[in-house]
């Protein structure tokens, strides 16, 4: 059985930390910031943690040489 290739679309959007957690960017933080409240803009800062079945699937698809 051949090795699976890394899904490049996912590897560009997600990041796996050293401890194995999956991080993603929060949507809605690129433009139209003037129309959003300050508290909403603060909440959009930083990365969000992916959990559950989706995180497990992403890890499989991003595994180097998986």
N, C-alpha and C. Protein backbone atom coordinates (compact mmCIF):
# COMPACT_ATOMS: atom_id res chain seq x y z
N UNK A 1 0.84 -1.18 0.00
CA UNK A 1 0.00 0.00 0.00
C UNK A 1 0.89 1.25 0.00
N UNK A 2 0.66 2.20 -0.91
CA UNK A 2 1.52 3.39 -0.98
C UNK A 2 1.27 4.36 0.18
N UNK A 3 2.26 5.18 0.43
CA UNK A 3 2.14 6.18 1.49
C UNK A 3 1.16 7.26 1.07
N UNK A 4 0.43 7.82 2.04
CA UNK A 4 -0.47 8.93 1.76
C UNK A 4 0.32 10.22 1.69
N UNK A 5 -0.10 11.11 0.82
CA UNK A 5 0.57 12.40 0.71
C UNK A 5 -0.05 13.38 1.70
N UNK A 6 0.73 14.38 2.10
CA UNK A 6 0.22 15.43 2.98
C UNK A 6 -0.75 16.29 2.19
N UNK A 7 -1.92 16.58 2.79
CA UNK A 7 -2.89 17.46 2.14
C UNK A 7 -2.39 18.90 2.26
N UNK A 8 -1.93 19.47 1.16
CA UNK A 8 -1.33 20.80 1.19
C UNK A 8 -2.35 21.87 1.57
N UNK A 9 -3.62 21.71 1.17
CA UNK A 9 -4.64 22.71 1.49
C UNK A 9 -4.83 22.81 3.00
N UNK A 10 -4.74 21.67 3.69
CA UNK A 10 -4.90 21.67 5.14
C UNK A 10 -3.63 22.16 5.82
N UNK A 11 -2.47 21.77 5.28
CA UNK A 11 -1.21 22.17 5.92
C UNK A 11 -0.99 23.68 5.84
N UNK A 12 -1.62 24.34 4.86
CA UNK A 12 -1.50 25.79 4.75
C UNK A 12 -2.43 26.52 5.71
N UNK A 13 -3.49 25.85 6.15
CA UNK A 13 -4.50 26.49 7.00
C UNK A 13 -4.39 26.12 8.48
N UNK A 14 -3.78 25.00 8.77
CA UNK A 14 -3.70 24.52 10.15
C UNK A 14 -2.23 24.36 10.56
N UNK A 15 -2.03 24.25 11.88
CA UNK A 15 -0.69 24.06 12.42
C UNK A 15 -0.77 23.06 13.57
N UNK A 16 0.16 22.12 13.60
CA UNK A 16 0.22 21.18 14.72
C UNK A 16 1.34 21.62 15.64
N UNK A 17 1.01 21.79 16.93
CA UNK A 17 2.00 22.23 17.90
C UNK A 17 2.91 21.06 18.29
N UNK A 18 3.92 21.36 19.06
CA UNK A 18 4.88 20.34 19.47
C UNK A 18 4.21 19.28 20.35
N UNK A 19 3.20 19.68 21.10
CA UNK A 19 2.49 18.73 21.97
C UNK A 19 1.39 17.99 21.25
N UNK A 20 1.14 18.33 19.97
CA UNK A 20 0.16 17.59 19.18
C UNK A 20 -1.20 18.25 19.04
N UNK A 21 -1.35 19.47 19.55
CA UNK A 21 -2.62 20.18 19.40
C UNK A 21 -2.71 20.78 18.00
N UNK A 22 -3.94 20.95 17.50
CA UNK A 22 -4.15 21.49 16.17
C UNK A 22 -4.71 22.91 16.30
N UNK A 23 -4.03 23.88 15.68
CA UNK A 23 -4.46 25.27 15.73
C UNK A 23 -4.96 25.71 14.36
N UNK A 24 -5.95 26.59 14.37
CA UNK A 24 -6.49 27.16 13.13
C UNK A 24 -6.67 28.65 13.32
N UNK A 25 -6.74 29.38 12.19
CA UNK A 25 -6.99 30.81 12.25
C UNK A 25 -8.48 31.08 12.43
N UNK A 26 -8.80 32.16 13.11
CA UNK A 26 -10.21 32.52 13.28
C UNK A 26 -10.70 33.26 12.04
N UNK A 27 -11.85 32.88 11.51
CA UNK A 27 -12.36 33.57 10.32
C UNK A 27 -12.91 34.95 10.66
N UNK A 28 -12.88 35.85 9.69
CA UNK A 28 -13.47 37.17 9.86
C UNK A 28 -12.54 38.22 10.40
N UNK A 29 -11.24 37.96 10.41
CA UNK A 29 -10.31 38.93 10.99
C UNK A 29 -9.42 39.61 9.96
N UNK A 30 -9.69 39.42 8.68
CA UNK A 30 -8.83 39.97 7.63
C UNK A 30 -9.19 41.41 7.26
N UNK A 31 -10.47 41.68 7.03
CA UNK A 31 -10.85 43.02 6.58
C UNK A 31 -12.21 43.40 7.18
N UNK A 32 -12.67 44.62 6.89
CA UNK A 32 -13.92 45.21 7.46
C UNK A 32 -13.84 45.28 8.98
N UNK A 33 -12.68 45.66 9.49
CA UNK A 33 -12.52 45.71 10.94
C UNK A 33 -13.21 46.91 11.57
N UNK A 34 -13.41 47.96 10.77
CA UNK A 34 -14.06 49.15 11.32
C UNK A 34 -15.52 48.88 11.67
N UNK A 35 -16.13 47.94 10.98
CA UNK A 35 -17.53 47.60 11.24
C UNK A 35 -17.73 46.64 12.39
N UNK A 36 -16.65 46.16 12.99
CA UNK A 36 -16.74 45.23 14.09
C UNK A 36 -16.40 45.94 15.40
N UNK A 37 -17.03 45.52 16.47
CA UNK A 37 -16.76 46.14 17.76
C UNK A 37 -15.36 45.77 18.25
N UNK A 38 -14.86 46.56 19.18
CA UNK A 38 -13.51 46.34 19.70
C UNK A 38 -13.42 44.99 20.40
N UNK A 39 -14.45 44.61 21.14
CA UNK A 39 -14.42 43.33 21.85
C UNK A 39 -14.43 42.16 20.86
N UNK A 40 -15.17 42.34 19.76
CA UNK A 40 -15.20 41.28 18.73
C UNK A 40 -13.84 41.14 18.05
N UNK A 41 -13.18 42.28 17.80
CA UNK A 41 -11.85 42.25 17.18
C UNK A 41 -10.83 41.61 18.11
N UNK A 42 -10.94 41.86 19.40
CA UNK A 42 -10.04 41.25 20.38
C UNK A 42 -10.21 39.73 20.40
N UNK A 43 -11.46 39.29 20.31
CA UNK A 43 -11.74 37.85 20.33
C UNK A 43 -11.24 37.15 19.07
N UNK A 44 -11.07 37.90 17.98
CA UNK A 44 -10.58 37.33 16.73
C UNK A 44 -9.07 37.17 16.71
N UNK A 45 -8.38 37.77 17.70
CA UNK A 45 -6.92 37.67 17.76
C UNK A 45 -6.50 36.25 18.11
N UNK A 46 -5.32 35.88 17.67
CA UNK A 46 -4.77 34.58 18.04
C UNK A 46 -5.40 33.44 17.29
N UNK A 47 -5.00 32.25 17.61
CA UNK A 47 -5.49 31.05 16.94
C UNK A 47 -6.48 30.31 17.82
N UNK A 48 -7.36 29.55 17.18
CA UNK A 48 -8.33 28.73 17.90
C UNK A 48 -7.85 27.28 17.90
N UNK A 49 -8.23 26.56 18.93
CA UNK A 49 -7.84 25.17 19.09
C UNK A 49 -8.90 24.28 18.45
N UNK A 50 -8.44 23.31 17.69
CA UNK A 50 -9.35 22.34 17.07
C UNK A 50 -9.42 21.12 17.97
N UNK A 51 -10.63 20.60 18.23
CA UNK A 51 -10.77 19.45 19.12
C UNK A 51 -11.63 18.38 18.48
N UNK A 52 -11.65 17.24 19.10
CA UNK A 52 -12.55 16.16 18.71
C UNK A 52 -12.13 15.44 17.44
N UNK A 53 -13.15 14.93 16.75
CA UNK A 53 -12.95 14.11 15.55
C UNK A 53 -12.24 14.88 14.45
N UNK A 54 -12.57 16.18 14.30
CA UNK A 54 -11.97 16.99 13.25
C UNK A 54 -10.46 17.13 13.47
N UNK A 55 -10.04 17.33 14.71
CA UNK A 55 -8.61 17.46 15.02
C UNK A 55 -7.88 16.15 14.68
N UNK A 56 -8.52 15.04 14.97
CA UNK A 56 -7.92 13.73 14.69
C UNK A 56 -7.75 13.53 13.19
N UNK A 57 -8.77 13.92 12.42
CA UNK A 57 -8.72 13.81 10.96
C UNK A 57 -7.62 14.70 10.38
N UNK A 58 -7.50 15.92 10.89
CA UNK A 58 -6.49 16.86 10.41
C UNK A 58 -5.10 16.30 10.69
N UNK A 59 -4.89 15.71 11.85
CA UNK A 59 -3.58 15.14 12.18
C UNK A 59 -3.20 14.05 11.21
N UNK A 60 -4.17 13.23 10.85
CA UNK A 60 -3.92 12.13 9.90
C UNK A 60 -3.53 12.70 8.53
N UNK A 61 -4.25 13.72 8.09
CA UNK A 61 -4.00 14.29 6.77
C UNK A 61 -2.72 15.11 6.70
N UNK A 62 -2.26 15.61 7.85
CA UNK A 62 -1.05 16.45 7.88
C UNK A 62 0.20 15.69 8.28
N UNK A 63 0.06 14.43 8.63
CA UNK A 63 1.23 13.67 9.07
C UNK A 63 2.28 13.62 7.98
N UNK A 64 3.54 13.93 8.30
CA UNK A 64 4.59 13.90 7.27
C UNK A 64 4.79 12.49 6.74
N UNK A 65 4.54 12.32 5.47
CA UNK A 65 4.69 11.01 4.85
C UNK A 65 3.65 10.01 5.28
N UNK A 66 2.50 10.55 5.77
CA UNK A 66 1.46 9.66 6.28
C UNK A 66 0.85 8.78 5.22
